[in-house]
Amino acid sequence: MYPPLPEDYSQKPPPSAPPQAPYHQPPPPPLQIPQHITGVPAHFVAPQPVNLNWSSSLCACCSDVPNCCLTCWCPCITFGQIAEIVDKGNTSCGVHGVLYALIEAFTCCGCMYSCVYRTKMRTQYGLRESPCNDCLVHFCCERCALCQEYRELKYRGFDMSIGWQSNMERQNYGVQIPPMAQSGMHR
């Protein structure tokens, strides 16, 4: 059996270790995938997660008057240009523009289609969801949102009038990237 404890010890809690500050390890640097693998120059894509501000405000439409006028009268053209760049050329500007025009003409919900690309663009470039939710921005200010996205891509070095493929060729100065060699056994 155990000997009895002294009375004063049984009434006081045992001394505890002094509180220590938790060890905080800095987060690892963002993963950078080399351009020869992605085919996208590093300065076109911001490392994630960044949460940056947009290069211009939602209401700065008149800072690019030609685009503002085009977007006011034919938002399908501006949307098509934006979507081609955001999709990295997987679908052409014309296809996106026609889809947008058809959705808008038959359902008046083109803003829902363009909202998806705003979210995709924000994710690619680490932009804040501002001034409010993407869907709300496109529902209330469709043309202003398209103008802002267009300006953002121009700010990031894209020539919106030439499309994704020509932007990549211009960026690489006409140098074609050779295909990656496959490793492993082949017959």
N, C-alpha and C. Protein backbone atom coordinates (compact mmCIF):
# COMPACT_ATOMS: atom_id res chain seq x y z
N MET A 1 0.82 -1.18 0.00
CA MET A 1 0.00 0.00 0.00
C MET A 1 0.87 1.25 0.00
N TYR A 2 0.21 2.33 -0.30
CA TYR A 2 0.92 3.60 -0.42
C TYR A 2 0.80 4.37 0.89
N PRO A 3 1.84 5.11 1.20
CA PRO A 3 1.76 5.92 2.44
C PRO A 3 0.77 7.07 2.24
N PRO A 4 0.13 7.53 3.32
CA PRO A 4 -0.82 8.65 3.20
C PRO A 4 -0.10 9.94 2.81
N LEU A 5 -0.80 10.77 2.07
CA LEU A 5 -0.25 12.06 1.64
C LEU A 5 -0.39 13.07 2.76
N PRO A 6 0.55 14.01 2.84
CA PRO A 6 0.39 15.08 3.84
C PRO A 6 -0.87 15.88 3.51
N GLU A 7 -1.47 16.43 4.58
CA GLU A 7 -2.74 17.14 4.41
C GLU A 7 -2.60 18.36 3.50
N ASP A 8 -1.57 19.14 3.64
CA ASP A 8 -1.44 20.36 2.84
C ASP A 8 -1.22 20.05 1.36
N TYR A 9 -0.63 18.90 1.05
CA TYR A 9 -0.41 18.56 -0.35
C TYR A 9 -1.70 18.09 -1.02
N SER A 10 -2.54 17.41 -0.29
CA SER A 10 -3.78 16.91 -0.88
C SER A 10 -4.76 18.03 -1.18
N GLN A 11 -4.60 19.17 -0.57
CA GLN A 11 -5.52 20.28 -0.79
C GLN A 11 -5.04 21.21 -1.90
N LYS A 12 -3.77 21.17 -2.23
CA LYS A 12 -3.23 22.04 -3.27
C LYS A 12 -2.98 21.23 -4.53
N PRO A 13 -3.26 21.82 -5.68
CA PRO A 13 -2.96 21.08 -6.91
C PRO A 13 -1.45 20.98 -7.10
N PRO A 14 -1.00 19.92 -7.72
CA PRO A 14 0.43 19.80 -7.95
C PRO A 14 0.91 20.90 -8.89
N PRO A 15 2.16 21.31 -8.73
CA PRO A 15 2.66 22.38 -9.62
C PRO A 15 2.69 21.89 -11.06
N SER A 16 2.30 22.77 -11.96
CA SER A 16 2.29 22.41 -13.38
C SER A 16 3.48 23.04 -14.08
N ALA A 17 3.76 22.54 -15.23
CA ALA A 17 4.86 23.08 -16.02
C ALA A 17 4.50 24.48 -16.48
N PRO A 18 5.49 25.37 -16.60
CA PRO A 18 5.19 26.73 -17.06
C PRO A 18 4.63 26.68 -18.49
N PRO A 19 3.69 27.56 -18.79
CA PRO A 19 3.12 27.54 -20.15
C PRO A 19 4.21 27.87 -21.17
N GLN A 20 4.21 27.13 -22.24
CA GLN A 20 5.17 27.36 -23.31
C GLN A 20 4.44 27.88 -24.54
N ALA A 21 5.12 28.75 -25.24
CA ALA A 21 4.54 29.28 -26.48
C ALA A 21 4.52 28.15 -27.50
N PRO A 22 3.42 28.02 -28.25
CA PRO A 22 3.38 26.95 -29.25
C PRO A 22 4.40 27.23 -30.36
N TYR A 23 4.96 26.18 -30.86
CA TYR A 23 5.94 26.30 -31.93
C TYR A 23 5.21 26.48 -33.25
N HIS A 24 5.46 27.58 -33.90
CA HIS A 24 4.82 27.87 -35.18
C HIS A 24 5.86 27.73 -36.28
N GLN A 25 5.62 26.80 -37.16
CA GLN A 25 6.50 26.62 -38.29
C GLN A 25 5.96 27.48 -39.43
N PRO A 26 6.83 28.24 -40.10
CA PRO A 26 6.32 29.06 -41.21
C PRO A 26 5.77 28.16 -42.31
N PRO A 27 4.75 28.66 -43.03
CA PRO A 27 4.18 27.84 -44.10
C PRO A 27 5.21 27.64 -45.21
N PRO A 28 5.11 26.53 -45.92
CA PRO A 28 6.06 26.31 -47.02
C PRO A 28 5.80 27.30 -48.14
N PRO A 29 6.80 27.59 -48.94
CA PRO A 29 6.57 28.51 -50.06
C PRO A 29 5.60 27.90 -51.05
N PRO A 30 4.88 28.75 -51.80
CA PRO A 30 3.91 28.21 -52.76
C PRO A 30 4.62 27.36 -53.81
N LEU A 31 3.92 26.36 -54.26
CA LEU A 31 4.46 25.46 -55.27
C LEU A 31 4.52 26.18 -56.60
N GLN A 32 5.68 26.21 -57.20
CA GLN A 32 5.86 26.83 -58.50
C GLN A 32 6.08 25.72 -59.52
N ILE A 33 5.19 25.58 -60.46
CA ILE A 33 5.34 24.58 -61.50
C ILE A 33 6.04 25.24 -62.68
N PRO A 34 7.15 24.67 -63.14
CA PRO A 34 7.92 25.30 -64.21
C PRO A 34 7.09 25.49 -65.49
N GLN A 35 7.45 26.54 -66.24
CA GLN A 35 6.73 26.87 -67.46
C GLN A 35 6.80 25.75 -68.48
N HIS A 36 7.90 25.03 -68.55
CA HIS A 36 8.01 23.98 -69.57
C HIS A 36 7.02 22.84 -69.33
N ILE A 37 6.48 22.75 -68.13
CA ILE A 37 5.47 21.73 -67.84
C ILE A 37 4.06 22.26 -68.11
N THR A 38 3.78 23.47 -67.63
CA THR A 38 2.42 24.02 -67.76
C THR A 38 2.19 24.71 -69.09
N GLY A 39 3.25 25.24 -69.70
CA GLY A 39 3.09 26.01 -70.92
C GLY A 39 2.61 27.42 -70.66
N VAL A 40 2.51 27.82 -69.37
CA VAL A 40 2.04 29.15 -69.00
C VAL A 40 3.18 29.89 -68.33
N PRO A 41 3.58 31.06 -68.84
CA PRO A 41 4.64 31.83 -68.20
C PRO A 41 4.28 32.16 -66.76
N ALA A 42 5.27 32.12 -65.89
CA ALA A 42 5.05 32.27 -64.45
C ALA A 42 4.39 33.60 -64.09
N HIS A 43 4.70 34.69 -64.81
CA HIS A 43 4.11 35.98 -64.41
C HIS A 43 2.64 36.10 -64.81
N PHE A 44 2.10 35.16 -65.59
CA PHE A 44 0.68 35.17 -65.91
C PHE A 44 -0.15 34.58 -64.78
N VAL A 45 0.45 33.77 -63.95
CA VAL A 45 -0.28 33.09 -62.88
C VAL A 45 0.34 33.45 -61.55
N ALA A 46 -0.46 34.00 -60.64
CA ALA A 46 0.04 34.35 -59.32
C ALA A 46 0.13 33.09 -58.46
N PRO A 47 1.16 32.98 -57.61
CA PRO A 47 1.21 31.84 -56.71
C PRO A 47 0.04 31.87 -55.74
N GLN A 48 -0.45 30.71 -55.35
CA GLN A 48 -1.63 30.62 -54.48
C GLN A 48 -1.22 30.32 -53.06
N PRO A 49 -1.94 30.62 -52.04
CA PRO A 49 -3.02 31.59 -52.00
C PRO A 49 -2.48 32.99 -51.75
N VAL A 50 -2.98 33.97 -52.45
CA VAL A 50 -2.47 35.33 -52.35
C VAL A 50 -3.51 36.29 -51.81
N ASN A 51 -4.69 36.29 -52.38
CA ASN A 51 -5.78 37.18 -51.98
C ASN A 51 -5.45 38.64 -52.26
N LEU A 52 -5.14 38.94 -53.49
CA LEU A 52 -4.79 40.29 -53.94
C LEU A 52 -6.02 41.11 -54.28
N ASN A 53 -5.82 42.42 -54.31
CA ASN A 53 -6.87 43.33 -54.78
C ASN A 53 -6.85 43.35 -56.31
N TRP A 54 -7.98 43.69 -56.88
CA TRP A 54 -8.08 43.86 -58.33
C TRP A 54 -7.23 45.07 -58.73
N SER A 55 -6.76 45.10 -59.96
CA SER A 55 -5.93 46.21 -60.43
C SER A 55 -6.75 47.49 -60.62
N SER A 56 -8.06 47.36 -60.79
CA SER A 56 -8.94 48.53 -60.94
C SER A 56 -10.27 48.23 -60.25
N SER A 57 -10.99 49.26 -59.96
CA SER A 57 -12.26 49.06 -59.25
C SER A 57 -13.36 48.63 -60.23
N LEU A 58 -14.44 48.16 -59.67
CA LEU A 58 -15.58 47.71 -60.47
C LEU A 58 -16.16 48.85 -61.30
N CYS A 59 -16.12 50.06 -60.77
CA CYS A 59 -16.76 51.20 -61.43
C CYS A 59 -15.79 52.04 -62.27
N ALA A 60 -14.63 51.50 -62.62
CA ALA A 60 -13.65 52.24 -63.42
C ALA A 60 -13.79 51.93 -64.90
N CYS A 61 -15.01 51.73 -65.35
CA CYS A 61 -15.25 51.33 -66.75
C CYS A 61 -14.71 52.33 -67.75
N CYS A 62 -14.80 53.61 -67.43
CA CYS A 62 -14.39 54.64 -68.38
C CYS A 62 -12.88 54.80 -68.49
N SER A 63 -12.11 54.01 -67.72
CA SER A 63 -10.66 54.07 -67.87
C SER A 63 -10.22 53.40 -69.17
N ASP A 64 -11.09 52.59 -69.75
CA ASP A 64 -10.85 51.98 -71.07
C ASP A 64 -12.14 52.18 -71.88
N VAL A 65 -12.27 53.37 -72.47
CA VAL A 65 -13.51 53.77 -73.14
C VAL A 65 -13.88 52.84 -74.31
N PRO A 66 -12.94 52.45 -75.18
CA PRO A 66 -13.34 51.54 -76.27
C PRO A 66 -13.94 50.22 -75.75
N ASN A 67 -13.32 49.63 -74.73
CA ASN A 67 -13.86 48.40 -74.17
C ASN A 67 -15.19 48.65 -73.48
N CYS A 68 -15.32 49.78 -72.82
CA CYS A 68 -16.57 50.12 -72.14
C CYS A 68 -17.72 50.19 -73.15
N CYS A 69 -17.49 50.85 -74.27
CA CYS A 69 -18.53 50.96 -75.30
C CYS A 69 -18.86 49.60 -75.91
N LEU A 70 -17.83 48.81 -76.22
CA LEU A 70 -18.04 47.48 -76.79
C LEU A 70 -18.84 46.60 -75.83
N THR A 71 -18.48 46.64 -74.55
CA THR A 71 -19.16 45.82 -73.55
C THR A 71 -20.59 46.29 -73.32
N CYS A 72 -20.81 47.58 -73.42
CA CYS A 72 -22.17 48.12 -73.24
C CYS A 72 -23.10 47.59 -74.32
N TRP A 73 -22.63 47.57 -75.59
CA TRP A 73 -23.49 47.18 -76.70
C TRP A 73 -23.41 45.69 -77.04
N CYS A 74 -22.24 45.07 -76.85
CA CYS A 74 -22.06 43.64 -77.19
C CYS A 74 -21.26 42.94 -76.09
N PRO A 75 -21.85 42.68 -74.94
CA PRO A 75 -21.10 42.05 -73.86
C PRO A 75 -20.62 40.65 -74.23
N CYS A 76 -21.26 40.02 -75.21
CA CYS A 76 -20.86 38.67 -75.61
C CYS A 76 -19.44 38.65 -76.17
N ILE A 77 -19.02 39.73 -76.82
CA ILE A 77 -17.67 39.80 -77.39
C ILE A 77 -16.64 39.89 -76.27
N THR A 78 -16.87 40.80 -75.34
CA THR A 78 -15.95 40.95 -74.21
C THR A 78 -15.89 39.67 -73.39
N PHE A 79 -17.05 39.08 -73.13
CA PHE A 79 -17.07 37.84 -72.36
C PHE A 79 -16.30 36.74 -73.08
N GLY A 80 -16.48 36.62 -74.40
CA GLY A 80 -15.76 35.60 -75.15
C GLY A 80 -14.26 35.76 -75.05
N GLN A 81 -13.77 37.00 -75.12
CA GLN A 81 -12.34 37.25 -75.00
C GLN A 81 -11.82 36.86 -73.61
N ILE A 82 -12.57 37.22 -72.59
CA ILE A 82 -12.19 36.89 -71.21
C ILE A 82 -12.17 35.38 -71.02
N ALA A 83 -13.24 34.73 -71.43
CA ALA A 83 -13.37 33.28 -71.21
C ALA A 83 -12.29 32.49 -71.93
N GLU A 84 -11.89 32.92 -73.13
CA GLU A 84 -10.83 32.20 -73.85
C GLU A 84 -9.52 32.25 -73.07
N ILE A 85 -9.19 33.41 -72.51
CA ILE A 85 -7.95 33.55 -71.74
C ILE A 85 -8.05 32.75 -70.44
N VAL A 86 -9.17 32.86 -69.74
CA VAL A 86 -9.34 32.15 -68.47
C VAL A 86 -9.32 30.64 -68.69
N ASP A 87 -9.88 30.17 -69.79
CA ASP A 87 -9.87 28.74 -70.12
C ASP A 87 -8.56 28.28 -70.75
N LYS A 88 -7.62 29.20 -70.89
CA LYS A 88 -6.30 28.90 -71.47
C LYS A 88 -6.42 28.32 -72.88
N GLY A 89 -7.36 28.86 -73.65
CA GLY A 89 -7.49 28.50 -75.05
C GLY A 89 -8.17 27.18 -75.32
N ASN A 90 -8.72 26.53 -74.32
CA ASN A 90 -9.41 25.25 -74.55
C ASN A 90 -10.65 25.42 -75.41
N THR A 91 -11.30 26.55 -75.32
CA THR A 91 -12.46 26.87 -76.15
C THR A 91 -12.27 28.27 -76.69
N SER A 92 -12.66 28.50 -77.92
CA SER A 92 -12.38 29.79 -78.56
C SER A 92 -13.29 30.90 -78.04
N CYS A 93 -12.86 32.09 -78.32
CA CYS A 93 -13.61 33.30 -77.98
C CYS A 93 -15.00 33.26 -78.61
N GLY A 94 -15.07 32.84 -79.87
CA GLY A 94 -16.34 32.81 -80.59
C GLY A 94 -17.35 31.86 -79.96
N VAL A 95 -16.89 30.69 -79.56
CA VAL A 95 -17.80 29.72 -78.94
C VAL A 95 -18.36 30.27 -77.62
N HIS A 96 -17.48 30.83 -76.80
CA HIS A 96 -17.94 31.40 -75.53
C HIS A 96 -18.90 32.57 -75.77
N GLY A 97 -18.58 33.41 -76.74
CA GLY A 97 -19.44 34.55 -77.04
C GLY A 97 -20.82 34.14 -77.52
N VAL A 98 -20.88 33.14 -78.39
CA VAL A 98 -22.16 32.66 -78.91
C VAL A 98 -22.97 32.01 -77.78
N LEU A 99 -22.33 31.18 -76.96
CA LEU A 99 -23.04 30.57 -75.83
C LEU A 99 -23.63 31.63 -74.90
N TYR A 100 -22.81 32.65 -74.61
CA TYR A 100 -23.28 33.74 -73.74
C TYR A 100 -24.49 34.44 -74.37
N ALA A 101 -24.40 34.75 -75.66
CA ALA A 101 -25.50 35.45 -76.35
C ALA A 101 -26.77 34.60 -76.35
N LEU A 102 -26.64 33.30 -76.61
CA LEU A 102 -27.82 32.42 -76.62
C LEU A 102 -28.45 32.31 -75.24
N ILE A 103 -27.60 32.13 -74.23
CA ILE A 103 -28.13 32.04 -72.85
C ILE A 103 -28.83 33.34 -72.48
N GLU A 104 -28.23 34.45 -72.83
CA GLU A 104 -28.83 35.75 -72.51
C GLU A 104 -30.13 35.97 -73.28
N ALA A 105 -30.15 35.59 -74.54
CA ALA A 105 -31.34 35.80 -75.38
C ALA A 105 -32.53 34.95 -74.93
N PHE A 106 -32.27 33.70 -74.55
CA PHE A 106 -33.38 32.80 -74.23
C PHE A 106 -33.75 32.74 -72.75
N THR A 107 -32.79 33.04 -71.87
CA THR A 107 -33.10 32.92 -70.44
C THR A 107 -32.84 34.18 -69.64
N CYS A 108 -32.17 35.14 -70.24
CA CYS A 108 -31.75 36.37 -69.53
C CYS A 108 -30.84 36.06 -68.35
N CYS A 109 -30.12 34.93 -68.42
CA CYS A 109 -29.23 34.52 -67.33
C CYS A 109 -27.78 34.42 -67.79
N GLY A 110 -27.38 35.26 -68.73
CA GLY A 110 -25.98 35.27 -69.16
C GLY A 110 -25.06 35.60 -68.00
N CYS A 111 -25.59 36.35 -67.04
CA CYS A 111 -24.79 36.73 -65.88
C CYS A 111 -24.35 35.51 -65.07
N MET A 112 -25.16 34.46 -65.07
CA MET A 112 -24.78 33.25 -64.33
C MET A 112 -23.61 32.54 -65.02
N TYR A 113 -23.62 32.53 -66.34
CA TYR A 113 -22.54 31.92 -67.10
C TYR A 113 -21.25 32.71 -66.91
N SER A 114 -21.33 34.04 -66.99
CA SER A 114 -20.14 34.86 -66.84
C SER A 114 -19.63 34.87 -65.40
N CYS A 115 -20.51 34.68 -64.44
CA CYS A 115 -20.12 34.62 -63.03
C CYS A 115 -19.16 33.46 -62.79
N VAL A 116 -19.40 32.35 -63.45
CA VAL A 116 -18.52 31.17 -63.31
C VAL A 116 -17.10 31.53 -63.72
N TYR A 117 -16.95 32.31 -64.77
CA TYR A 117 -15.62 32.67 -65.26
C TYR A 117 -14.96 33.73 -64.37
N ARG A 118 -15.74 34.57 -63.73
CA ARG A 118 -15.16 35.51 -62.77
C ARG A 118 -14.55 34.73 -61.60
N THR A 119 -15.28 33.75 -61.12
CA THR A 119 -14.79 32.93 -60.00
C THR A 119 -13.53 32.17 -60.43
N LYS A 120 -13.55 31.62 -61.62
CA LYS A 120 -12.40 30.88 -62.14
C LYS A 120 -11.18 31.79 -62.26
N MET A 121 -11.40 32.99 -62.75
CA MET A 121 -10.32 33.96 -62.91
C MET A 121 -9.76 34.38 -61.56
N ARG A 122 -10.64 34.65 -60.61
CA ARG A 122 -10.19 35.03 -59.27
C ARG A 122 -9.33 33.94 -58.65
N THR A 123 -9.73 32.70 -58.85
CA THR A 123 -8.98 31.57 -58.30
C THR A 123 -7.60 31.46 -58.96
N GLN A 124 -7.55 31.62 -60.27
CA GLN A 124 -6.28 31.52 -60.98
C GLN A 124 -5.28 32.58 -60.55
N TYR A 125 -5.76 33.80 -60.30
CA TYR A 125 -4.86 34.91 -60.01
C TYR A 125 -4.86 35.33 -58.54
N GLY A 126 -5.55 34.61 -57.69
CA GLY A 126 -5.54 34.91 -56.26
C GLY A 126 -6.18 36.23 -55.90
N LEU A 127 -7.24 36.60 -56.61
CA LEU A 127 -7.90 37.89 -56.38
C LEU A 127 -9.00 37.77 -55.32
N ARG A 128 -9.24 38.86 -54.63
CA ARG A 128 -10.31 38.90 -53.62
C ARG A 128 -11.68 38.88 -54.29
N GLU A 129 -12.63 38.33 -53.59
CA GLU A 129 -14.02 38.37 -54.04
C GLU A 129 -14.58 39.71 -53.56
N SER A 130 -14.48 40.73 -54.41
CA SER A 130 -14.91 42.05 -54.00
C SER A 130 -15.57 42.77 -55.18
N PRO A 131 -16.42 43.70 -54.95
CA PRO A 131 -16.84 44.25 -53.67
C PRO A 131 -17.81 43.35 -52.91
N CYS A 132 -18.33 42.31 -53.57
CA CYS A 132 -19.21 41.34 -52.90
C CYS A 132 -19.13 40.02 -53.66
N ASN A 133 -20.02 39.11 -53.38
CA ASN A 133 -20.06 37.80 -54.01
C ASN A 133 -20.06 37.92 -55.53
N ASP A 134 -19.34 37.00 -56.20
CA ASP A 134 -19.21 37.04 -57.67
C ASP A 134 -20.57 37.02 -58.38
N CYS A 135 -21.46 36.17 -57.93
CA CYS A 135 -22.78 36.08 -58.57
C CYS A 135 -23.56 37.38 -58.42
N LEU A 136 -23.46 37.99 -57.25
CA LEU A 136 -24.15 39.25 -57.02
C LEU A 136 -23.55 40.36 -57.88
N VAL A 137 -22.23 40.39 -58.01
CA VAL A 137 -21.57 41.39 -58.86
C VAL A 137 -22.07 41.26 -60.29
N HIS A 138 -22.13 40.04 -60.81
CA HIS A 138 -22.57 39.85 -62.20
C HIS A 138 -24.07 40.07 -62.36
N PHE A 139 -24.85 39.73 -61.36
CA PHE A 139 -26.30 39.94 -61.47
C PHE A 139 -26.64 41.43 -61.47
N CYS A 140 -25.99 42.19 -60.60
CA CYS A 140 -26.31 43.63 -60.47
C CYS A 140 -25.52 44.52 -61.43
N CYS A 141 -24.31 44.15 -61.74
CA CYS A 141 -23.42 45.02 -62.54
C CYS A 141 -22.70 44.22 -63.62
N GLU A 142 -23.44 43.49 -64.43
CA GLU A 142 -22.86 42.57 -65.42
C GLU A 142 -21.81 43.24 -66.29
N ARG A 143 -22.15 44.35 -66.90
CA ARG A 143 -21.23 44.98 -67.84
C ARG A 143 -20.02 45.58 -67.14
N CYS A 144 -20.21 46.14 -65.96
CA CYS A 144 -19.08 46.66 -65.19
C CYS A 144 -18.14 45.53 -64.78
N ALA A 145 -18.70 44.39 -64.40
CA ALA A 145 -17.89 43.23 -64.01
C ALA A 145 -17.06 42.73 -65.19
N LEU A 146 -17.68 42.65 -66.36
CA LEU A 146 -16.95 42.21 -67.56
C LEU A 146 -15.82 43.19 -67.90
N CYS A 147 -16.10 44.48 -67.79
CA CYS A 147 -15.05 45.48 -68.05
C CYS A 147 -13.90 45.34 -67.05
N GLN A 148 -14.22 45.12 -65.79
CA GLN A 148 -13.18 44.96 -64.76
C GLN A 148 -12.31 43.73 -65.05
N GLU A 149 -12.94 42.62 -65.42
CA GLU A 149 -12.19 41.40 -65.72
C GLU A 149 -11.29 41.60 -66.95
N TYR A 150 -11.82 42.29 -67.96
CA TYR A 150 -11.06 42.59 -69.17
C TYR A 150 -9.83 43.43 -68.82
N ARG A 151 -10.03 44.48 -68.01
CA ARG A 151 -8.91 45.34 -67.60
C ARG A 151 -7.88 44.56 -66.79
N GLU A 152 -8.34 43.65 -65.94
CA GLU A 152 -7.43 42.86 -65.11
C GLU A 152 -6.52 41.99 -65.98
N LEU A 153 -7.10 41.36 -66.99
CA LEU A 153 -6.29 40.52 -67.87
C LEU A 153 -5.31 41.37 -68.69
N LYS A 154 -5.74 42.55 -69.13
CA LYS A 154 -4.82 43.46 -69.83
C LYS A 154 -3.68 43.88 -68.90
N TYR A 155 -4.02 44.17 -67.65
CA TYR A 155 -3.03 44.57 -66.65
C TYR A 155 -2.00 43.45 -66.45
N ARG A 156 -2.43 42.22 -66.58
CA ARG A 156 -1.54 41.06 -66.39
C ARG A 156 -0.75 40.72 -67.65
N GLY A 157 -0.86 41.56 -68.69
CA GLY A 157 -0.01 41.41 -69.86
C GLY A 157 -0.64 40.74 -71.06
N PHE A 158 -1.91 40.43 -71.01
CA PHE A 158 -2.57 39.79 -72.14
C PHE A 158 -3.03 40.85 -73.14
N ASP A 159 -2.84 40.55 -74.43
CA ASP A 159 -3.43 41.36 -75.49
C ASP A 159 -4.74 40.67 -75.81
N MET A 160 -5.83 41.24 -75.37
CA MET A 160 -7.13 40.57 -75.45
C MET A 160 -7.61 40.36 -76.88
N SER A 161 -7.11 41.15 -77.81
CA SER A 161 -7.59 41.04 -79.18
C SER A 161 -6.98 39.87 -79.96
N ILE A 162 -5.93 39.24 -79.44
CA ILE A 162 -5.27 38.17 -80.21
C ILE A 162 -5.52 36.77 -79.66
N GLY A 163 -6.15 36.64 -78.52
CA GLY A 163 -6.49 35.31 -78.00
C GLY A 163 -5.36 34.64 -77.24
N TRP A 164 -5.67 33.48 -76.70
CA TRP A 164 -4.74 32.75 -75.85
C TRP A 164 -3.50 32.27 -76.60
N GLN A 165 -3.69 31.58 -77.71
CA GLN A 165 -2.56 30.98 -78.43
C GLN A 165 -1.56 32.05 -78.88
N SER A 166 -2.04 33.13 -79.44
CA SER A 166 -1.13 34.19 -79.89
C SER A 166 -0.43 34.86 -78.72
N ASN A 167 -1.11 34.98 -77.59
CA ASN A 167 -0.46 35.53 -76.39
C ASN A 167 0.67 34.62 -75.94
N MET A 168 0.47 33.32 -76.00
CA MET A 168 1.52 32.38 -75.59
C MET A 168 2.70 32.41 -76.57
N GLU A 169 2.40 32.49 -77.86
CA GLU A 169 3.47 32.59 -78.86
C GLU A 169 4.24 33.90 -78.68
N ARG A 170 3.53 34.98 -78.45
CA ARG A 170 4.19 36.27 -78.25
C ARG A 170 5.05 36.23 -77.00
N GLN A 171 4.54 35.61 -75.95
CA GLN A 171 5.29 35.52 -74.69
C GLN A 171 6.55 34.69 -74.86
N ASN A 172 6.46 33.62 -75.63
CA ASN A 172 7.62 32.75 -75.85
C ASN A 172 8.47 33.22 -77.03
N TYR A 173 8.13 34.39 -77.59
CA TYR A 173 8.84 34.98 -78.73
C TYR A 173 8.91 34.02 -79.90
N GLY A 174 7.83 33.30 -80.12
CA GLY A 174 7.76 32.40 -81.25
C GLY A 174 8.45 31.07 -81.04
N VAL A 175 9.07 30.85 -79.89
CA VAL A 175 9.77 29.59 -79.62
C VAL A 175 8.73 28.55 -79.23
N GLN A 176 8.72 27.44 -79.94
CA GLN A 176 7.80 26.36 -79.62
C GLN A 176 8.39 25.52 -78.49
N ILE A 177 7.57 25.14 -77.54
CA ILE A 177 8.01 24.31 -76.43
C ILE A 177 7.98 22.86 -76.89
N PRO A 178 9.12 22.15 -76.81
CA PRO A 178 9.10 20.75 -77.26
C PRO A 178 8.27 19.89 -76.32
N PRO A 179 7.66 18.84 -76.84
CA PRO A 179 6.87 17.97 -75.97
C PRO A 179 7.77 17.25 -74.98
N MET A 180 7.23 16.93 -73.82
CA MET A 180 7.99 16.24 -72.78
C MET A 180 8.21 14.80 -73.22
N ALA A 181 9.43 14.28 -73.00
CA ALA A 181 9.73 12.89 -73.31
C ALA A 181 9.08 12.01 -72.25
N GLN A 182 8.49 10.92 -72.70
CA GLN A 182 7.87 10.00 -71.77
C GLN A 182 8.93 9.05 -71.24
N SER A 183 8.84 8.75 -69.96
CA SER A 183 9.79 7.83 -69.37
C SER A 183 9.12 6.47 -69.19
N GLY A 184 9.94 5.47 -68.98
CA GLY A 184 9.38 4.13 -68.75
C GLY A 184 9.66 3.24 -69.95
N MET A 185 9.13 2.05 -69.86
CA MET A 185 9.35 1.07 -70.92
C MET A 185 8.32 1.27 -72.04
N HIS A 186 8.78 1.15 -73.26
CA HIS A 186 7.92 1.29 -74.43
C HIS A 186 8.16 0.11 -75.35
N ARG A 187 7.18 -0.30 -76.08
CA ARG A 187 7.35 -1.39 -77.05
C ARG A 187 7.48 -0.84 -78.43
